[in-house]
Amino acid sequence: MESIAVWFTNTLGQYVSEEIVIFIISMIPILELRGGLIAAKLLNVSLLKAIPICIIGNIIPIPFILLFIRQILKWLGKTKLFHGMVQWLENKAMSKSDRIRQWEFWGLALFVGIPLPGTGAWTGSLIAALLEIDIKKAVVAELVGIAMATVIMSIVSYGLLGILIG
């Protein structure tokens, strides 16, 4: 993830401010808040400035995914061009859904909050939508997860990473 964050930082950083780079990275699937905080550290943006930018960037896609992804996937799944991709995406998301299905709120919060490959708000929102978890419960669980991820990644990015690159 660090190498992807570095690439985005170097590429976007030529055209927009550091804050916009961090914000955009925080909105991108896979990178999300985790990548945003890594980028912020690489750009020497203070942690107190980076956290709200990353959180807002990570939160913005959640309601759109929860509200519209099932309809979008249904529509795309009817086309020859995207049918295979939709099947793969749904299968991939649902393969990670066992703990969420079992513990619902806390399963979703932990899934979003523990920074492992393939976890985060994007995938959590997709799984919550596919499992038809109540939207209010899903949003609150994901906010709790984002708060957890913020604490963990702040320590990793500004603590451990800060020691390595500082």
Protein backbone atom coordinates (compact mmCIF):
# COMPACT_ATOMS: atom_id res chain seq x y z
CA MET A 1 0.00 0.00 0.00
CA GLU A 2 2.86 2.35 0.79
CA SER A 3 4.20 2.14 -2.77
CA ILE A 4 0.76 2.94 -4.22
CA ALA A 5 0.39 5.88 -1.82
CA VAL A 6 3.87 7.12 -2.83
CA TRP A 7 2.95 6.87 -6.53
CA PHE A 8 -0.29 8.83 -6.04
CA THR A 9 1.51 11.37 -3.87
CA ASN A 10 4.23 11.95 -6.46
CA THR A 11 1.82 11.99 -9.40
CA LEU A 12 -0.98 14.12 -7.96
CA GLY A 13 1.38 16.30 -5.95
CA GLN A 14 2.60 17.94 -9.14
CA TYR A 15 -0.84 19.37 -9.87
CA VAL A 16 -2.71 19.98 -6.61
CA SER A 17 -2.02 20.91 -3.00
CA GLU A 18 -0.87 18.40 -0.39
CA GLU A 19 -4.28 18.54 1.28
CA ILE A 20 -6.09 17.67 -1.97
CA VAL A 21 -3.65 14.78 -2.56
CA ILE A 22 -4.40 13.39 0.90
CA PHE A 23 -8.15 13.90 0.43
CA ILE A 24 -8.23 12.13 -2.96
CA ILE A 25 -6.11 9.22 -1.74
CA SER A 26 -8.46 8.81 1.25
CA MET A 27 -11.42 8.44 -1.15
CA ILE A 28 -9.79 5.78 -3.37
CA PRO A 29 -10.74 2.13 -2.80
CA ILE A 30 -7.90 0.03 -1.35
CA LEU A 31 -5.93 3.12 -0.19
CA GLU A 32 -8.62 4.96 1.76
CA LEU A 33 -7.75 6.59 5.09
CA ARG A 34 -4.77 4.26 5.51
CA GLY A 35 -3.13 5.46 2.34
CA GLY A 36 -4.10 9.05 3.08
CA LEU A 37 -2.27 9.02 6.40
CA ILE A 38 0.80 7.42 4.82
CA ALA A 39 0.75 10.09 2.11
CA ALA A 40 0.30 12.82 4.72
CA LYS A 41 3.39 11.64 6.56
CA LEU A 42 5.38 11.43 3.32
CA LEU A 43 4.28 14.99 2.50
CA ASN A 44 5.22 16.16 6.00
CA VAL A 45 1.66 17.26 6.78
CA SER A 46 0.99 17.40 10.52
CA LEU A 47 -1.08 14.60 11.99
CA LEU A 48 -3.65 17.04 13.39
CA LYS A 49 -4.17 18.53 9.93
CA ALA A 50 -4.16 15.15 8.15
CA ILE A 51 -6.69 13.31 10.33
CA PRO A 52 -9.82 15.36 9.48
CA ILE A 53 -8.90 15.45 5.78
CA CYS A 54 -8.47 11.66 5.70
CA ILE A 55 -11.62 10.96 7.70
CA ILE A 56 -13.80 13.19 5.52
CA GLY A 57 -12.32 11.71 2.34
CA ASN A 58 -12.94 8.19 3.62
CA ILE A 59 -16.52 8.91 4.75
CA ILE A 60 -17.80 10.58 1.57
CA PRO A 61 -18.17 7.38 -0.55
CA ILE A 62 -19.94 5.36 2.18
CA PRO A 63 -23.56 6.57 1.75
CA PHE A 64 -23.32 6.38 -2.04
CA ILE A 65 -22.08 2.79 -1.89
CA LEU A 66 -24.69 1.77 0.68
CA LEU A 67 -27.55 3.40 -1.23
CA PHE A 68 -26.69 2.66 -4.85
CA ILE A 69 -24.23 -0.22 -5.25
CA ARG A 70 -26.83 -3.01 -5.41
CA GLN A 71 -28.71 -1.26 -8.21
CA ILE A 72 -25.50 -0.41 -10.06
CA LEU A 73 -24.21 -3.99 -9.81
CA LYS A 74 -27.59 -5.36 -10.90
CA TRP A 75 -27.60 -3.09 -13.93
CA LEU A 76 -23.94 -3.80 -14.83
CA GLY A 77 -24.46 -7.53 -14.26
CA LYS A 78 -26.99 -7.58 -17.10
CA THR A 79 -24.36 -6.46 -19.62
CA LYS A 80 -21.99 -8.85 -21.34
CA LEU A 81 -19.08 -6.50 -20.82
CA PHE A 82 -19.37 -6.21 -17.02
CA HIS A 83 -21.15 -9.43 -16.00
CA GLY A 84 -17.93 -11.27 -15.14
CA MET A 85 -16.50 -8.33 -13.21
CA VAL A 86 -19.70 -7.95 -11.19
CA GLN A 87 -19.72 -11.66 -10.34
CA TRP A 88 -16.06 -11.50 -9.27
CA LEU A 89 -16.63 -8.38 -7.15
CA GLU A 90 -19.69 -9.80 -5.43
CA ASN A 91 -17.94 -13.13 -4.78
CA LYS A 92 -14.83 -11.39 -3.44
CA ALA A 93 -16.85 -9.16 -1.11
CA MET A 94 -19.07 -11.98 0.11
CA SER A 95 -16.04 -14.21 0.78
CA LYS A 96 -15.08 -11.70 3.47
CA SER A 97 -18.57 -11.40 4.94
CA ASP A 98 -18.74 -14.30 7.43
CA ARG A 99 -17.70 -12.31 10.52
CA ILE A 100 -19.84 -9.37 9.48
CA ARG A 101 -22.87 -11.61 9.00
CA GLN A 102 -22.22 -13.27 12.38
CA TRP A 103 -21.61 -10.15 14.49
CA GLU A 104 -23.21 -7.54 12.20
CA PHE A 105 -22.45 -4.17 13.90
CA TRP A 106 -19.16 -5.11 15.59
CA GLY A 107 -18.18 -7.38 12.74
CA LEU A 108 -18.55 -4.50 10.30
CA ALA A 109 -16.81 -2.03 12.65
CA LEU A 110 -13.83 -4.38 13.09
CA PHE A 111 -13.71 -5.18 9.38
CA VAL A 112 -13.47 -1.49 8.52
CA GLY A 113 -11.21 -0.64 11.47
CA ILE A 114 -8.48 -3.25 11.32
CA PRO A 115 -6.10 -2.21 8.55
CA LEU A 116 -5.55 -5.40 6.59
CA PRO A 117 -5.49 -5.87 2.82
CA GLY A 118 -9.01 -6.03 1.39
CA THR A 119 -10.68 -4.37 4.38
CA GLY A 120 -11.90 -0.82 4.80
CA ALA A 121 -14.93 1.38 4.30
CA TRP A 122 -15.37 0.62 0.59
CA THR A 123 -15.45 -3.15 0.99
CA GLY A 124 -17.36 -2.85 4.27
CA SER A 125 -20.01 -0.73 2.56
CA LEU A 126 -20.26 -3.18 -0.33
CA ILE A 127 -20.68 -6.13 2.05
CA ALA A 128 -23.20 -4.22 4.20
CA ALA A 129 -25.22 -3.37 1.09
CA LEU A 130 -25.13 -6.93 -0.23
CA LEU A 131 -26.13 -8.30 3.19
CA GLU A 132 -28.86 -5.63 3.37
CA ILE A 133 -27.73 -4.41 6.79
CA ASP A 134 -29.80 -1.46 8.01
CA ILE A 135 -28.20 1.67 6.55
CA LYS A 136 -28.11 3.56 9.86
CA LYS A 137 -26.45 0.64 11.62
CA ALA A 138 -23.98 0.24 8.76
CA VAL A 139 -23.02 3.93 8.74
CA VAL A 140 -22.47 4.03 12.51
CA ALA A 141 -20.46 0.78 12.44
CA GLU A 142 -18.31 2.12 9.62
CA LEU A 143 -17.72 5.40 11.48
CA VAL A 144 -16.58 3.40 14.51
CA GLY A 145 -14.33 1.38 12.20
CA ILE A 146 -12.89 4.52 10.62
CA ALA A 147 -12.14 5.89 14.09
CA MET A 148 -10.31 2.65 14.94
CA ALA A 149 -8.38 2.73 11.67
CA THR A 150 -7.46 6.36 12.30
CA VAL A 151 -5.90 5.54 15.66
CA ILE A 152 -4.06 2.47 14.36
CA MET A 153 -2.78 4.13 11.19
CA SER A 154 -1.79 7.32 13.00
CA ILE A 155 0.46 5.25 15.22
CA VAL A 156 1.82 3.28 12.28
CA SER A 157 2.25 6.24 9.91
CA TYR A 158 3.48 8.87 12.31
CA GLY A 159 5.09 6.52 14.83
CA LEU A 160 6.72 3.54 13.10
CA LEU A 161 6.84 5.02 9.60
CA GLY A 162 7.97 8.33 11.03
CA ILE A 163 10.95 6.61 12.65
CA LEU A 164 11.84 4.78 9.43
CA ILE A 165 11.64 7.76 7.06
CA GLY A 166 12.31 10.55 9.55
